[in-house]
Amino acid sequence: MTKKILKGTITSAKNNKTVVVEVTRKFKHPFYSKVISRSKKYHAHDEMNNFKEGDYVEIIECKPISKKKTWEVVKKWYKFKQN
């Protein structure tokens, strides 16, 4: 089975080897057809403490490292705003 990959923004990097990543998803409401956005926070493992708050990163599923950490930061992404 393939591992899930998510992209999100780091909201906290205060803990050692751990970052909190907020992932936002958008979906269409089944009845009202309005686009709704929902966000969820994931604790991810950052071995070398390379990433800081505000970075847009990609996280991947991994085996449980601790009670809350089952994700690992893979790489940094760059968001481009289109005008």
Protein backbone atom coordinates (compact mmCIF):
# COMPACT_ATOMS: atom_id res chain seq x y z
CA MET A 1 0.00 0.00 0.00
CA THR A 2 1.29 3.45 -0.86
CA LYS A 3 2.01 6.05 1.79
CA LYS A 4 -0.10 9.21 1.96
CA ILE A 5 1.59 12.48 1.07
CA LEU A 6 0.23 15.85 2.24
CA LYS A 7 1.35 19.46 1.77
CA GLY A 8 0.93 22.18 4.37
CA THR A 9 2.37 25.11 6.27
CA ILE A 10 4.43 24.77 9.45
CA THR A 11 2.65 26.55 12.30
CA SER A 12 5.04 25.61 15.13
CA ALA A 13 8.67 24.51 15.24
CA LYS A 14 9.35 25.02 18.95
CA ASN A 15 9.79 21.37 19.91
CA ASN A 16 13.00 19.45 19.32
CA LYS A 17 12.81 17.29 16.15
CA THR A 18 9.08 17.99 15.82
CA VAL A 19 7.10 20.44 13.71
CA VAL A 20 3.35 21.05 13.58
CA VAL A 21 2.03 21.19 10.01
CA GLU A 22 -1.40 22.63 9.15
CA VAL A 23 -2.91 20.98 6.07
CA THR A 24 -5.87 22.70 4.41
CA ARG A 25 -8.21 20.85 2.07
CA LYS A 26 -11.03 22.25 -0.04
CA PHE A 27 -14.13 20.35 -1.08
CA LYS A 28 -17.53 21.03 -2.52
CA HIS A 29 -20.54 20.68 -0.21
CA PRO A 30 -22.69 17.80 -1.49
CA PHE A 31 -26.00 19.67 -1.23
CA TYR A 32 -25.24 23.40 -1.28
CA SER A 33 -22.40 23.18 -3.87
CA LYS A 34 -20.37 25.73 -1.94
CA VAL A 35 -16.59 25.30 -1.70
CA ILE A 36 -15.61 24.73 1.94
CA SER A 37 -12.11 24.67 3.40
CA ARG A 38 -11.16 22.55 6.40
CA SER A 39 -7.79 22.39 8.11
CA LYS A 40 -6.11 19.82 10.33
CA LYS A 41 -2.83 19.88 12.23
CA TYR A 42 -0.32 17.03 12.10
CA HIS A 43 2.81 16.49 14.21
CA ALA A 44 5.70 15.59 11.91
CA HIS A 45 9.25 14.40 12.55
CA ASP A 46 12.10 16.74 11.54
CA GLU A 47 15.36 14.94 12.39
CA MET A 48 17.82 17.79 11.81
CA ASN A 49 15.56 20.74 12.81
CA ASN A 50 15.95 22.18 9.30
CA PHE A 51 12.48 23.68 8.91
CA LYS A 52 11.03 26.78 10.54
CA GLU A 53 7.63 28.42 10.98
CA GLY A 54 5.96 29.54 7.77
CA ASP A 55 7.68 27.00 5.51
CA TYR A 56 5.44 25.16 3.03
CA VAL A 57 6.44 21.49 3.28
CA GLU A 58 5.49 18.01 2.15
CA ILE A 59 4.89 15.31 4.78
CA ILE A 60 4.65 11.55 4.33
CA GLU A 61 3.21 8.77 6.46
CA CYS A 62 5.66 6.70 8.47
CA LYS A 63 5.68 4.22 11.32
CA PRO A 64 4.74 5.71 14.71
CA ILE A 65 7.66 7.60 16.25
CA SER A 66 5.73 8.68 19.34
CA LYS A 67 2.12 8.94 20.50
CA LYS A 68 1.26 11.82 18.15
CA LYS A 69 4.01 11.62 15.50
CA THR A 70 3.20 9.32 12.57
CA TRP A 71 4.32 11.72 9.83
CA GLU A 72 7.75 12.77 8.58
CA VAL A 73 8.80 15.96 6.75
CA VAL A 74 10.16 15.10 3.30
CA LYS A 75 11.04 18.37 1.62
CA LYS A 76 10.34 22.08 1.37
CA TRP A 77 7.97 23.38 -1.30
CA TYR A 78 7.68 26.88 -2.68
CA LYS A 79 4.25 28.44 -3.10
CA PHE A 80 3.81 30.75 -6.06
CA LYS A 81 1.05 33.34 -5.95
CA GLN A 82 -0.66 33.98 -9.25
CA ASN A 83 -2.01 37.48 -9.88
